[in-house]
Amino acid sequence: MSTIEIGGVPVGPDHQPFVIAEMSGNHNGDLERAKDIVRAIAESGAQALKLQTYTAETMTLDVDLPAFRLPAEHELWSDARLYDLYHEAHTPWEWHGPLFELAASLGLVAFSSAFDRTAIDFLEGLKVPAYKVASNEIGDLPLVRGMAETGKPIIISTGSATLTDIDAAVRAARSTGNEQIIVLSCTASYPAPPEQSNLRAIPVLRDALGVQVGLSDHTMGIGAAIAAVALGATVIEKHVTLKRIDGGVDSAFSLEPGELELLVESTRIAQLALGEPVIGPKQAEQNVLRFRRSLHVTQDVKAGDVVGPGNVRSIRPAGGLAPDAFTQVEGRPFRTDAKAGTPLTWDLL
């Protein structure tokens, strides 16, 4: 699988997982809080900040009809009007420039999810290095093509999508000549039950589509993300807030800065631990091999003495005959004197 560069950071199976910290609406309408989140992301070691670029008007209509409300049983946003939810959660477009500049000054890659053509045009003006297709936009193939036509890496989330949906989106992106495509396995539930993450689909998607695959994770904690890396995920996306107790539209399933730092370190270790599909002694085990058991002379013997349990045993370290050779040497005479601690070899017998 080819490496893809996002803002100068290499992304691929031979590199540290690319951790994207999604701010979403966790700024709670406060630009200074948004900046504090950016600083916390940079301190965590995550490589990227992601925003969402939309307004309530570009997402839906300001109407109050049943189809434009979330269900009453929704765990976080019970009976909320879509327009009101998007108005509360959106990141003002005039904040994007200052937040991207701050992120760049702290060494972060900063980009966004575009939700319509106007958002693409706006983000192009800010020279973003990549685009994200949100799960519910995967069926908007003109939008997918619009992002891909920029020639920049495109990351496609797949929450609630069928393989047909995903394949269509990947084909739409490729139709522009853009091969810099990453697909994110995702469960579009907030929060998402871990048992519905279906992480075993990650290698299936990778092999079926011929693209890098990652995880956009809405479960609580970091366990699912670490498991995803073990299954081949090259990108991990998690929502981030300063403190869940502060509230906000996404706070319930977002990581706090200390948890994000742990995620970065744990996924890095998981990727390193994958190694190669090779069975045998590792480089780090070379000294251990010296201390395998082998047959040794355990008390001083003279030439003509007979090998037996009283003068030869299987002990550490290595250097003598294998322990299983004892049945072949038992009862044979020593041809020379030997001191206790001498490895038993054929030339002693």
Foldseek 3Di string as FASTA:
>chain_A
DDWAAFPNDTFFLVDQFQEEAEAFQQCQPPLVQLLVQLVLCLVLVHAAYEYADDALVLPDDPDDDPVQFDDQPAPFRHRDGSSVQRNRGHDDLVSVLVNCVSNVVSNHQYYYEYSDLVSVVSRVVVVHQEYEHDQVCLQVLVVLLSRLLVLHAYEYEHAPHDPVSVLSSQVSSCVNVRPNYEYAQEHPGQQDDLVPSPLLCLVVCCVVNVHAYAHEHQHAAQVSRLVNVLNRHRYYYFYEHQALVVPTRRSVRGDHSVRSSVNSVSSSVSSVVNPDPDDDDDPVCPVVLQWAWAKWQAAKDAFFDFDDPVGIATGDDDDAHHRVCSVVRGGPTFRGIDHGPHHHYPNRD
